């Protein structure tokens, strides 16, 4: 299954709320002649554009290749949540890798948030950033764990921007009876993801990076000067960055054995009356719940509810995404049964077995950064910067993430996807029962 063409029109953004409300959607010409450069970046999402901006700012001749459009993949379709830390909580990271590494990973997560906010401010990106994410417990037994985890972050990591919410506090913040407590992280936030991607592209281009859309890479021939073979041209570069995430395909089997594509879906309601929207989610925060198959939601700048979740277990999107996600929304907000759904779209992210980003040095100056497992707004942006640091000669921070063990998905090329589907089905059953 070719994920670059399986669910979307070639060279066109999906019919999403994000695409309908983004601006400055400048088209970049396909690459049609052979070229050389210092760094060739494959993929114009957060990782590739962040790396391109970082390197172009430092005088490198950078070429960014995108099979479709800037931010076309998960970077322009996601829930827009900029979370703290890593996708895995700090207690688990300490158990897995030790306290020193866990603190290093926390600091990288802290920098990821700061980097996103700094880029928005420096380049005057109008991408609707707002502070606050509420993490909601869908089981009563999880509430004590949330309280203990808030205490741990405050005590062991000096993080004072998070507080515990009991059930009453939560219900005063979000108009639902589906949750029993949780935590509110005001150091996290949410934004319009496609506007952020387009802003990164504009900044990278202004710094001198060359961007070519509708330029699909077919093969890579690593050597001292690696050849990147596209449909109509070849790029020669001593440094290559694979920034493809869930859309890597067969470009590198070593990475694809460790990063699997997974589809996720979002709907956008019609605009709600201002008072209804403010009652539904107060303080304009985002919400993500404790399910293995996470429900996540927030209000848009024009008071729509954006609601995501509901993975499916094949590579094809459901025929009717709106109907597929609507029951998930109504399980949290039954009072929205009368509200129309204006948009429904899907996207493909990259996940890893351990739910940690997968950064890898390949042969002959080829790097890969992907596998953000739903935590990519911050970590994909930071990983692009870390890849840029490595190309500039400073490997320390890239290697913190690259040293994290990266298990392969079991089953080999034939059985990886069916086994992942079985695992996700199992976790969905756990959420339900």
Protein backbone atom coordinates (compact mmCIF):
# COMPACT_ATOMS: atom_id res chain seq x y z
CA UNK A 1 0.00 0.00 0.00
CA UNK A 2 1.42 3.38 -1.05
CA UNK A 3 0.41 5.75 1.74
CA UNK A 4 1.44 8.81 -0.26
CA UNK A 5 -1.38 8.10 -2.71
CA UNK A 6 -3.75 5.73 -0.91
CA UNK A 7 -6.08 8.26 0.71
CA UNK A 8 -5.45 11.67 -0.86
CA UNK A 9 -5.41 13.63 -4.08
CA UNK A 10 -1.85 14.06 -5.39
CA UNK A 11 -0.44 17.48 -4.60
CA UNK A 12 -3.56 18.66 -2.75
CA UNK A 13 -4.27 19.24 0.92
CA UNK A 14 -7.09 17.17 2.44
CA UNK A 15 -10.50 18.76 2.87
CA UNK A 16 -9.79 19.70 6.49
CA UNK A 17 -10.66 22.64 8.68
CA UNK A 18 -6.96 23.44 8.76
CA UNK A 19 -6.60 23.63 4.98
CA UNK A 20 -9.78 25.71 4.74
CA UNK A 21 -8.48 28.31 7.21
CA UNK A 22 -4.74 28.44 6.49
CA UNK A 23 -3.23 31.37 4.63
CA UNK A 24 0.07 32.06 2.82
CA UNK A 25 -0.23 28.65 1.09
CA UNK A 26 2.48 29.50 -1.45
CA UNK A 27 3.13 26.85 -4.10
CA UNK A 28 6.72 25.72 -4.64
CA UNK A 29 7.72 24.40 -8.06
CA UNK A 30 8.64 20.73 -8.52
CA UNK A 31 12.31 19.90 -9.01
CA UNK A 32 12.91 19.20 -12.70
CA UNK A 33 16.69 19.39 -13.08
CA UNK A 34 19.66 17.70 -11.45
CA UNK A 35 21.18 19.75 -8.63
CA UNK A 36 23.81 19.61 -5.91
CA UNK A 37 23.51 21.04 -2.39
CA UNK A 38 25.04 20.74 1.07
CA UNK A 39 21.98 19.13 2.67
CA UNK A 40 19.02 17.38 1.05
CA UNK A 41 15.99 17.04 3.31
CA UNK A 42 13.19 14.65 2.34
CA UNK A 43 9.86 15.74 3.79
CA UNK A 44 8.50 19.26 4.37
CA UNK A 45 6.82 18.70 7.73
CA UNK A 46 7.94 20.03 11.09
CA UNK A 47 11.15 17.97 11.17
CA UNK A 48 12.32 18.82 7.67
CA UNK A 49 11.35 22.48 7.79
CA UNK A 50 12.88 23.01 11.24
CA UNK A 51 16.14 21.40 10.09
CA UNK A 52 16.06 23.41 6.88
CA UNK A 53 15.57 26.68 8.77
CA UNK A 54 18.32 25.88 11.29
CA UNK A 55 20.86 24.94 8.61
CA UNK A 56 20.01 27.72 6.17
CA UNK A 57 20.43 30.25 9.00
CA UNK A 58 23.99 28.91 9.37
CA UNK A 59 24.91 29.26 5.74
CA UNK A 60 24.27 25.76 4.41
CA UNK A 61 22.85 25.29 0.92
CA UNK A 62 19.67 23.39 1.80
CA UNK A 63 17.16 21.66 -0.48
CA UNK A 64 13.83 20.46 0.98
CA UNK A 65 11.85 17.95 -1.11
CA UNK A 66 8.15 17.27 -0.53
CA UNK A 67 6.09 14.69 -2.42
CA UNK A 68 2.90 16.75 -2.05
CA UNK A 69 2.66 20.14 -0.28
CA UNK A 70 4.35 21.80 2.69
CA UNK A 71 2.78 20.37 5.86
CA UNK A 72 0.74 17.91 3.80
CA UNK A 73 1.28 14.95 6.15
CA UNK A 74 0.78 14.67 9.89
CA UNK A 75 2.29 18.13 10.45
CA UNK A 76 -0.72 19.77 8.81
CA UNK A 77 -3.44 17.40 10.03
CA UNK A 78 -2.79 16.71 13.72
CA UNK A 79 -4.57 17.75 16.90
CA UNK A 80 -2.31 20.74 17.39
CA UNK A 81 -1.33 19.90 20.97
CA UNK A 82 2.12 20.96 22.19
CA UNK A 83 2.69 18.74 25.21
CA UNK A 84 5.35 18.67 27.91
CA UNK A 85 8.09 16.07 28.20
CA UNK A 86 7.87 13.01 26.00
CA UNK A 87 5.00 10.80 24.85
CA UNK A 88 6.00 8.47 27.74
CA UNK A 89 5.69 9.86 31.28
CA UNK A 90 8.74 10.53 33.42
CA UNK A 91 8.14 7.68 35.86
CA UNK A 92 8.23 5.16 33.03
CA UNK A 93 11.30 6.83 31.53
CA UNK A 94 13.11 6.55 34.86
CA UNK A 95 12.22 2.86 35.08
CA UNK A 96 13.35 2.21 31.51
CA UNK A 97 16.47 4.32 31.16
CA UNK A 98 17.45 5.64 34.62
CA UNK A 99 16.99 9.02 36.27
CA UNK A 100 19.83 10.79 34.44
CA UNK A 101 18.48 9.96 30.99
CA UNK A 102 14.90 10.68 32.09
CA UNK A 103 15.94 14.19 33.18
CA UNK A 104 17.77 14.73 29.89
CA UNK A 105 14.64 13.70 28.00
CA UNK A 106 12.51 16.03 30.14
CA UNK A 107 14.85 18.92 29.31
CA UNK A 108 14.61 18.12 25.60
CA UNK A 109 10.82 18.19 25.92
CA UNK A 110 11.04 21.52 27.73
CA UNK A 111 13.19 22.93 24.96
CA UNK A 112 10.79 21.60 22.31
CA UNK A 113 7.99 23.72 23.76
CA UNK A 114 10.21 26.78 24.02
CA UNK A 115 11.48 26.29 20.47
CA UNK A 116 7.97 26.21 19.03
CA UNK A 117 6.93 29.33 20.94
CA UNK A 118 10.15 31.14 20.03
CA UNK A 119 9.76 30.32 16.33
CA UNK A 120 6.18 31.60 16.40
CA UNK A 121 7.27 34.86 18.03
CA UNK A 122 10.44 35.41 16.00
CA UNK A 123 8.76 34.85 12.65
CA UNK A 124 5.40 36.39 13.58
CA UNK A 125 3.44 33.23 12.77
CA UNK A 126 -0.30 33.71 13.15
CA UNK A 127 -1.12 30.14 14.16
CA UNK A 128 -3.61 30.65 17.02
CA UNK A 129 -1.33 29.48 19.86
CA UNK A 130 -3.07 29.19 23.24
CA UNK A 131 -1.69 27.84 26.55
CA UNK A 132 -3.05 24.86 28.48
CA UNK A 133 -3.67 21.12 28.07
CA UNK A 134 -5.89 19.15 30.43
CA UNK A 135 -5.11 15.44 30.78
CA UNK A 136 -8.36 13.73 31.76
CA UNK A 137 -8.74 10.36 33.52
CA UNK A 138 -11.41 8.14 31.99
CA UNK A 139 -11.22 5.65 34.90
CA UNK A 140 -11.64 6.49 38.59
CA UNK A 141 -8.68 4.29 39.53
CA UNK A 142 -6.35 6.55 37.53
CA UNK A 143 -7.07 9.68 39.57
CA UNK A 144 -4.66 8.81 42.38
CA UNK A 145 -1.94 8.18 39.80
CA UNK A 146 -2.56 11.62 38.28
CA UNK A 147 -2.26 13.29 41.67
CA UNK A 148 0.98 11.42 42.40
CA UNK A 149 2.41 12.27 38.98
CA UNK A 150 1.69 15.99 39.42
CA UNK A 151 3.48 15.84 42.79
CA UNK A 152 6.43 14.08 41.14
CA UNK A 153 6.81 16.64 38.37
CA UNK A 154 6.64 19.48 40.87
CA UNK A 155 9.06 17.84 43.32
CA UNK A 156 11.59 15.99 41.13
CA UNK A 157 11.54 18.12 37.98
CA UNK A 158 10.80 21.54 39.43
CA UNK A 159 7.81 21.90 37.14
CA UNK A 160 5.33 24.32 38.70
CA UNK A 161 3.06 24.81 35.68
CA UNK A 162 0.95 21.72 36.34
CA UNK A 163 -1.75 21.14 38.93
CA UNK A 164 -4.07 18.32 39.89
CA UNK A 165 -7.81 18.51 39.21
CA UNK A 166 -10.38 16.47 41.11
CA UNK A 167 -13.67 15.53 39.47
CA UNK A 168 -15.43 18.72 40.48
CA UNK A 169 -12.56 20.89 39.21
CA UNK A 170 -12.55 19.01 35.94
CA UNK A 171 -16.30 19.28 35.41
CA UNK A 172 -16.06 23.01 36.08
CA UNK A 173 -13.49 23.20 33.28
CA UNK A 174 -14.97 20.79 30.72
CA UNK A 175 -18.73 20.22 30.40
CA UNK A 176 -18.72 16.42 30.55
CA UNK A 177 -19.35 13.62 33.01
CA UNK A 178 -16.98 11.26 31.19
CA UNK A 179 -13.95 11.94 33.39
CA UNK A 180 -13.05 11.57 37.07
CA UNK A 181 -10.07 13.90 37.48
CA UNK A 182 -6.76 14.72 35.87
CA UNK A 183 -4.14 17.43 35.57
CA UNK A 184 -3.93 20.84 33.93
CA UNK A 185 -0.60 21.76 32.33
CA UNK A 186 -0.46 25.48 31.63
CA UNK A 187 3.10 25.20 30.30
CA UNK A 188 1.76 23.13 27.40
CA UNK A 189 -0.48 24.55 24.70
CA UNK A 190 -2.20 24.15 21.34
CA UNK A 191 -2.09 25.76 17.90
CA UNK A 192 -3.25 25.58 14.29
CA UNK A 193 -0.81 22.95 12.99
CA UNK A 194 -0.93 23.73 9.28
CA UNK A 195 -0.45 27.46 9.86
CA UNK A 196 2.61 26.59 11.94
CA UNK A 197 4.02 24.36 9.17
CA UNK A 198 3.42 27.04 6.55
CA UNK A 199 5.10 29.58 8.85
CA UNK A 200 8.14 27.31 9.19
CA UNK A 201 8.34 26.97 5.41
CA UNK A 202 8.20 30.74 4.93
CA UNK A 203 10.95 31.22 7.54
CA UNK A 204 13.16 28.52 6.00
CA UNK A 205 12.74 29.99 2.54
CA UNK A 206 13.55 33.49 3.79
CA UNK A 207 16.72 32.07 5.37
CA UNK A 208 17.74 30.67 1.97
CA UNK A 209 16.44 27.10 1.91
CA UNK A 210 15.06 25.91 -1.45
CA UNK A 211 11.75 24.06 -1.23
CA UNK A 212 10.34 21.87 -4.01
CA UNK A 213 6.83 20.46 -3.68
CA UNK A 214 5.29 17.63 -5.73
CA UNK A 215 8.77 16.10 -5.94
CA UNK A 216 8.69 12.48 -4.92
CA UNK A 217 11.87 10.68 -3.91
CA UNK A 218 12.03 7.13 -5.26
CA UNK A 219 15.41 5.84 -4.07
CA UNK A 220 18.49 6.92 -2.17
CA UNK A 221 22.00 5.82 -3.14
CA UNK A 222 24.25 6.49 -0.10
CA UNK A 223 27.90 7.32 -0.74
CA UNK A 224 30.32 10.10 0.16
CA UNK A 225 28.03 12.25 -1.98
CA UNK A 226 24.63 10.62 -1.69
CA UNK A 227 22.33 10.59 -4.71
CA UNK A 228 18.64 11.21 -4.09
CA UNK A 229 16.66 9.98 -7.09
CA UNK A 230 13.36 11.79 -7.74
CA UNK A 231 10.84 11.32 -10.53
CA UNK A 232 12.28 14.04 -12.75
CA UNK A 233 15.68 14.89 -11.25
CA UNK A 234 18.57 13.75 -9.06
CA UNK A 235 19.99 15.58 -6.05
CA UNK A 236 23.60 15.04 -4.95
CA UNK A 237 24.48 15.98 -1.37
CA UNK A 238 26.96 14.95 1.32
CA UNK A 239 24.21 15.16 3.96
CA UNK A 240 20.68 13.75 3.68
CA UNK A 241 17.91 13.87 6.29
CA UNK A 242 14.93 11.53 6.08
CA UNK A 243 12.08 13.51 7.65
CA UNK A 244 9.23 11.35 6.35
CA UNK A 245 7.69 9.97 9.57
CA UNK A 246 4.71 7.70 8.74
CA UNK A 247 5.18 8.23 5.00
CA UNK A 248 8.71 6.80 4.76
CA UNK A 249 7.62 3.74 2.78
CA UNK A 250 10.56 1.72 1.47
CA UNK A 251 13.18 4.48 1.40
CA UNK A 252 15.03 2.83 4.28
CA UNK A 253 14.18 -0.59 5.68
CA UNK A 254 16.18 -0.10 8.87
CA UNK A 255 13.93 2.81 9.84
CA UNK A 256 10.69 1.31 8.54
CA UNK A 257 11.22 -1.75 10.74
CA UNK A 258 11.12 0.59 13.74
CA UNK A 259 8.59 3.25 12.71
CA UNK A 260 5.12 2.14 11.66
CA UNK A 261 2.37 4.23 10.05
CA UNK A 262 -0.91 4.59 11.93
CA UNK A 263 -3.99 6.52 10.83
CA UNK A 264 -5.93 8.90 13.06
CA UNK A 265 -8.95 11.11 12.41
CA UNK A 266 -10.39 14.49 13.37
CA UNK A 267 -13.74 16.17 12.89
CA UNK A 268 -14.67 19.84 13.15
CA UNK A 269 -18.17 20.92 14.10
CA UNK A 270 -19.98 23.92 12.79
CA UNK A 271 -19.11 27.11 14.72
CA UNK A 272 -20.73 27.16 18.16
CA UNK A 273 -22.25 30.21 19.79
CA UNK A 274 -19.58 31.92 21.88
CA UNK A 275 -21.31 31.28 25.21
CA UNK A 276 -21.89 27.61 24.34
CA UNK A 277 -18.26 27.13 23.34
CA UNK A 278 -16.97 28.82 26.49
CA UNK A 279 -19.17 26.59 28.63
CA UNK A 280 -18.09 23.45 26.79
CA UNK A 281 -14.35 24.04 27.38
CA UNK A 282 -13.47 26.90 29.68
CA UNK A 283 -10.22 28.90 29.44
CA UNK A 284 -9.76 27.74 25.82
CA UNK A 285 -7.53 24.83 26.77
CA UNK A 286 -6.98 21.58 24.89
CA UNK A 287 -7.91 18.18 26.34
CA UNK A 288 -6.43 14.69 25.91
CA UNK A 289 -7.72 11.70 27.83
CA UNK A 290 -6.12 8.61 29.36
CA UNK A 291 -7.38 6.03 26.87
CA UNK A 292 -4.84 3.94 25.00
CA UNK A 293 -6.63 5.10 21.85
CA UNK A 294 -6.69 8.72 22.95
CA UNK A 295 -9.59 11.11 22.53
CA UNK A 296 -8.30 14.68 22.15
CA UNK A 297 -10.22 17.89 21.55
CA UNK A 298 -10.13 21.67 21.72
CA UNK A 299 -11.87 24.73 20.37
CA UNK A 300 -10.76 26.42 17.17
CA UNK A 301 -10.28 30.18 16.85
CA UNK A 302 -13.83 30.44 15.44
CA UNK A 303 -15.41 28.30 18.22
CA UNK A 304 -15.68 24.97 16.45
CA UNK A 305 -15.04 21.82 18.46
CA UNK A 306 -12.11 19.94 16.91
CA UNK A 307 -12.36 16.34 18.11
CA UNK A 308 -9.91 13.57 17.27
CA UNK A 309 -9.33 9.91 17.98
CA UNK A 310 -10.52 6.54 16.75
CA UNK A 311 -7.61 4.83 15.02
CA UNK A 312 -8.48 2.16 12.50
CA UNK A 313 -6.35 -0.84 11.73
CA UNK A 314 -5.77 -0.74 7.99
CA UNK A 315 -4.04 1.74 5.72
CA UNK A 316 -7.24 3.01 4.09
CA UNK A 317 -9.25 5.81 5.69
CA UNK A 318 -12.92 5.11 6.49
CA UNK A 319 -15.27 6.15 3.69
CA UNK A 320 -17.21 8.45 6.04
CA UNK A 321 -14.82 9.92 8.60
CA UNK A 322 -17.47 12.22 10.06
CA UNK A 323 -19.70 9.27 10.94
CA UNK A 324 -16.71 7.26 12.16
CA UNK A 325 -15.65 9.88 14.75
CA UNK A 326 -19.00 11.42 15.68
CA UNK A 327 -19.92 8.62 18.19
CA UNK A 328 -16.61 9.17 19.99
CA UNK A 329 -17.43 12.88 20.31
CA UNK A 330 -20.95 12.18 21.56
CA UNK A 331 -19.65 9.76 24.19
CA UNK A 332 -17.90 12.78 25.75
CA UNK A 333 -20.36 15.53 24.78
CA UNK A 334 -23.84 14.04 24.27
CA UNK A 335 -25.21 17.59 24.39
CA UNK A 336 -23.74 18.17 20.90
CA UNK A 337 -26.11 15.73 19.20
CA UNK A 338 -27.79 18.65 17.43
CA UNK A 339 -24.52 20.11 16.10
CA UNK A 340 -23.51 19.63 12.47
CA UNK A 341 -20.09 18.29 11.49
CA UNK A 342 -18.53 20.47 8.79
CA UNK A 343 -15.20 18.69 8.27
CA UNK A 344 -13.75 15.23 8.75
CA UNK A 345 -10.23 14.21 7.75
CA UNK A 346 -7.57 11.62 8.40
CA UNK A 347 -3.81 11.57 8.57
CA UNK A 348 -0.96 9.14 9.02
CA UNK A 349 1.49 9.48 11.88
CA UNK A 350 4.55 7.41 12.72
CA UNK A 351 4.64 5.34 15.91
CA UNK A 352 7.36 3.30 17.59
CA UNK A 353 7.19 0.26 19.85
CA UNK A 354 8.41 2.27 22.84
CA UNK A 355 6.51 5.45 21.85
CA UNK A 356 9.76 7.42 21.84
CA UNK A 357 11.07 9.44 18.89
CA UNK A 358 13.38 7.42 16.68
CA UNK A 359 16.52 9.28 15.63
CA UNK A 360 19.08 7.26 13.71
CA UNK A 361 22.40 7.68 11.93
CA UNK A 362 22.41 5.68 8.73
CA UNK A 363 25.34 5.26 6.34
CA UNK A 364 27.35 7.93 4.53
CA UNK A 365 25.93 11.03 6.21
CA UNK A 366 22.27 9.99 5.97
CA UNK A 367 20.16 10.72 9.08
CA UNK A 368 16.58 9.89 9.98
CA UNK A 369 14.22 11.50 12.51
CA UNK A 370 10.66 10.23 12.92
CA UNK A 371 8.31 8.13 15.07
CA UNK A 372 6.89 10.84 17.32
CA UNK A 373 3.88 8.71 18.27
CA UNK A 374 1.41 11.57 18.57
CA UNK A 375 3.81 13.96 20.33
CA UNK A 376 5.24 15.57 17.26
CA UNK A 377 4.34 19.26 17.38
CA UNK A 378 7.19 19.88 19.77
CA UNK A 379 9.46 16.87 19.35
CA UNK A 380 9.43 16.83 15.55
CA UNK A 381 10.33 20.52 15.50
CA UNK A 382 13.12 19.95 18.01
CA UNK A 383 14.37 16.82 16.23
CA UNK A 384 14.86 18.85 13.07
CA UNK A 385 17.03 21.26 15.05
CA UNK A 386 18.98 18.36 16.60
CA UNK A 387 19.64 16.90 13.15
CA UNK A 388 20.86 20.33 12.10
CA UNK A 389 23.18 20.46 15.10
CA UNK A 390 24.66 17.08 14.15
CA UNK A 391 25.27 18.20 10.56
CA UNK A 392 26.98 21.30 11.97
CA UNK A 393 29.27 19.04 14.02
CA UNK A 394 27.59 18.87 17.45
CA UNK A 395 26.20 15.39 18.04
CA UNK A 396 25.54 15.32 21.80
CA UNK A 397 21.84 16.11 21.87
CA UNK A 398 20.93 14.13 18.75
CA UNK A 399 22.68 11.15 20.29
CA UNK A 400 20.66 11.35 23.52
CA UNK A 401 17.60 10.35 21.51
CA UNK A 402 19.51 8.15 19.07
CA UNK A 403 20.88 6.11 21.99
CA UNK A 404 17.39 5.16 23.20
CA UNK A 405 16.89 1.47 22.26
CA UNK A 406 14.56 1.24 19.26
CA UNK A 407 12.90 -2.19 19.07
CA UNK A 408 11.72 -3.44 15.71
CA UNK A 409 8.05 -4.18 15.21
CA UNK A 410 7.66 -7.96 15.15
CA UNK A 411 6.52 -9.93 12.15
CA UNK A 412 8.74 -8.76 9.32
CA UNK A 413 7.42 -6.81 6.29
CA UNK A 414 4.48 -9.17 5.75
CA UNK A 415 3.13 -9.37 9.30
CA UNK A 416 4.10 -6.09 10.96
CA UNK A 417 0.92 -4.26 10.02
CA UNK A 418 -1.51 -7.10 10.90
CA UNK A 419 0.21 -7.60 14.26
CA UNK A 420 0.03 -3.86 14.97
CA UNK A 421 -3.66 -3.91 14.08
CA UNK A 422 -4.22 -6.79 16.50
CA UNK A 423 -2.38 -4.93 19.28
CA UNK A 424 -4.37 -1.72 18.70
CA UNK A 425 -7.63 -3.70 18.69
CA UNK A 426 -6.62 -5.21 22.04
CA UNK A 427 -5.91 -1.78 23.54
CA UNK A 428 -9.20 -0.42 22.20
CA UNK A 429 -10.99 -3.28 23.97
CA UNK A 430 -9.16 -2.41 27.19
CA UNK A 431 -10.36 1.18 26.87
CA UNK A 432 -13.93 -0.01 26.45
CA UNK A 433 -14.11 -2.71 29.13
